[in-house]
Amino acid sequence: MNTYKEPILNDYRNSEFLQYMKDVVELVNAFDVTSLGLAALRDALTIHTEAFETAF
């Protein structure tokens, strides 16, 4: 049986964290966040992920 394990973000290197966040953004975009009222949070996540990628 597969169990969900919570990621330990403190152990990630910059590139690993960036890839993790890109994957999270991709998963979030797969759902209709507007109807869930989460569009503003999704937009903020996307903006911060892109800013981190630019800085990295």
C-alpha atoms as a PDB file:
ATOM      1  CA  MET A   1       0.000   0.000   0.000  1.00  0.00           C
ATOM      2  CA  ASN A   2       1.338   3.405  -0.946  1.00  0.00           C
ATOM      3  CA  THR A   3       1.193   6.042   1.735  1.00  0.00           C
ATOM      4  CA  TYR A   4       1.465   9.770   1.300  1.00  0.00           C
ATOM      5  CA  LYS A   5       4.583  11.216   2.832  1.00  0.00           C
ATOM      6  CA  GLU A   6       4.815  14.867   3.676  1.00  0.00           C
ATOM      7  CA  PRO A   7       7.774  16.570   1.997  1.00  0.00           C
ATOM      8  CA  ILE A   8      10.453  17.999   4.250  1.00  0.00           C
ATOM      9  CA  LEU A   9      11.080  21.251   2.441  1.00  0.00           C
ATOM     10  CA  ASN A  10      14.037  22.237   4.628  1.00  0.00           C
ATOM     11  CA  ASP A  11      16.017  19.331   3.184  1.00  0.00           C
ATOM     12  CA  TYR A  12      15.497  20.398  -0.445  1.00  0.00           C
ATOM     13  CA  ARG A  13      18.219  22.187  -2.368  1.00  0.00           C
ATOM     14  CA  ASN A  14      17.192  25.273  -4.369  1.00  0.00           C
ATOM     15  CA  SER A  15      16.725  23.378  -7.624  1.00  0.00           C
ATOM     16  CA  GLU A  16      14.757  20.599  -5.913  1.00  0.00           C
ATOM     17  CA  PHE A  17      12.502  23.107  -4.171  1.00  0.00           C
ATOM     18  CA  LEU A  18      11.922  24.975  -7.423  1.00  0.00           C
ATOM     19  CA  GLN A  19      10.974  21.767  -9.236  1.00  0.00           C
ATOM     20  CA  TYR A  20       8.658  20.800  -6.367  1.00  0.00           C
ATOM     21  CA  MET A  21       6.901  24.170  -6.539  1.00  0.00           C
ATOM     22  CA  LYS A  22       6.554  23.939 -10.332  1.00  0.00           C
ATOM     23  CA  ASP A  23       4.960  20.516  -9.891  1.00  0.00           C
ATOM     24  CA  VAL A  24       2.587  21.902  -7.249  1.00  0.00           C
ATOM     25  CA  VAL A  25       1.566  24.764  -9.551  1.00  0.00           C
ATOM     26  CA  GLU A  26       0.947  22.262 -12.357  1.00  0.00           C
ATOM     27  CA  LEU A  27      -1.229  20.107 -10.078  1.00  0.00           C
ATOM     28  CA  VAL A  28      -3.197  23.110  -8.832  1.00  0.00           C
ATOM     29  CA  ASN A  29      -3.789  24.294 -12.403  1.00  0.00           C
ATOM     30  CA  ALA A  30      -5.295  20.901 -13.247  1.00  0.00           C
ATOM     31  CA  PHE A  31      -8.335  21.794 -11.122  1.00  0.00           C
ATOM     32  CA  ASP A  32     -10.972  24.491 -11.460  1.00  0.00           C
ATOM     33  CA  VAL A  33      -9.689  26.755  -8.703  1.00  0.00           C
ATOM     34  CA  THR A  34     -12.000  29.600  -9.682  1.00  0.00           C
ATOM     35  CA  SER A  35     -15.100  27.676  -8.654  1.00  0.00           C
ATOM     36  CA  LEU A  36     -13.368  26.722  -5.401  1.00  0.00           C
ATOM     37  CA  GLY A  37     -12.561  30.366  -4.680  1.00  0.00           C
ATOM     38  CA  LEU A  38      -8.828  29.733  -4.746  1.00  0.00           C
ATOM     39  CA  ALA A  39      -7.845  31.706  -7.838  1.00  0.00           C
ATOM     40  CA  ALA A  40      -6.140  34.478  -5.857  1.00  0.00           C
ATOM     41  CA  LEU A  41      -4.062  31.956  -3.906  1.00  0.00           C
ATOM     42  CA  ARG A  42      -3.142  30.102  -7.099  1.00  0.00           C
ATOM     43  CA  ASP A  43      -2.096  33.377  -8.721  1.00  0.00           C
ATOM     44  CA  ALA A  44       0.075  34.287  -5.720  1.00  0.00           C
ATOM     45  CA  LEU A  45       1.681  30.835  -5.738  1.00  0.00           C
ATOM     46  CA  THR A  46       2.437  31.170  -9.438  1.00  0.00           C
ATOM     47  CA  ILE A  47       3.895  34.674  -9.037  1.00  0.00           C
ATOM     48  CA  HIS A  48       6.154  33.638  -6.151  1.00  0.00           C
ATOM     49  CA  THR A  49       7.294  30.488  -7.918  1.00  0.00           C
ATOM     50  CA  GLU A  50       8.200  32.492 -11.014  1.00  0.00           C
ATOM     51  CA  ALA A  51       9.999  35.077  -8.884  1.00  0.00           C
ATOM     52  CA  PHE A  52      12.005  32.327  -7.202  1.00  0.00           C
ATOM     53  CA  GLU A  53      12.885  30.860 -10.589  1.00  0.00           C
ATOM     54  CA  THR A  54      14.065  34.271 -11.806  1.00  0.00           C
ATOM     55  CA  ALA A  55      16.207  34.766  -8.725  1.00  0.00           C
ATOM     56  CA  PHE A  56      17.621  31.261  -8.929  1.00  0.00           C
END
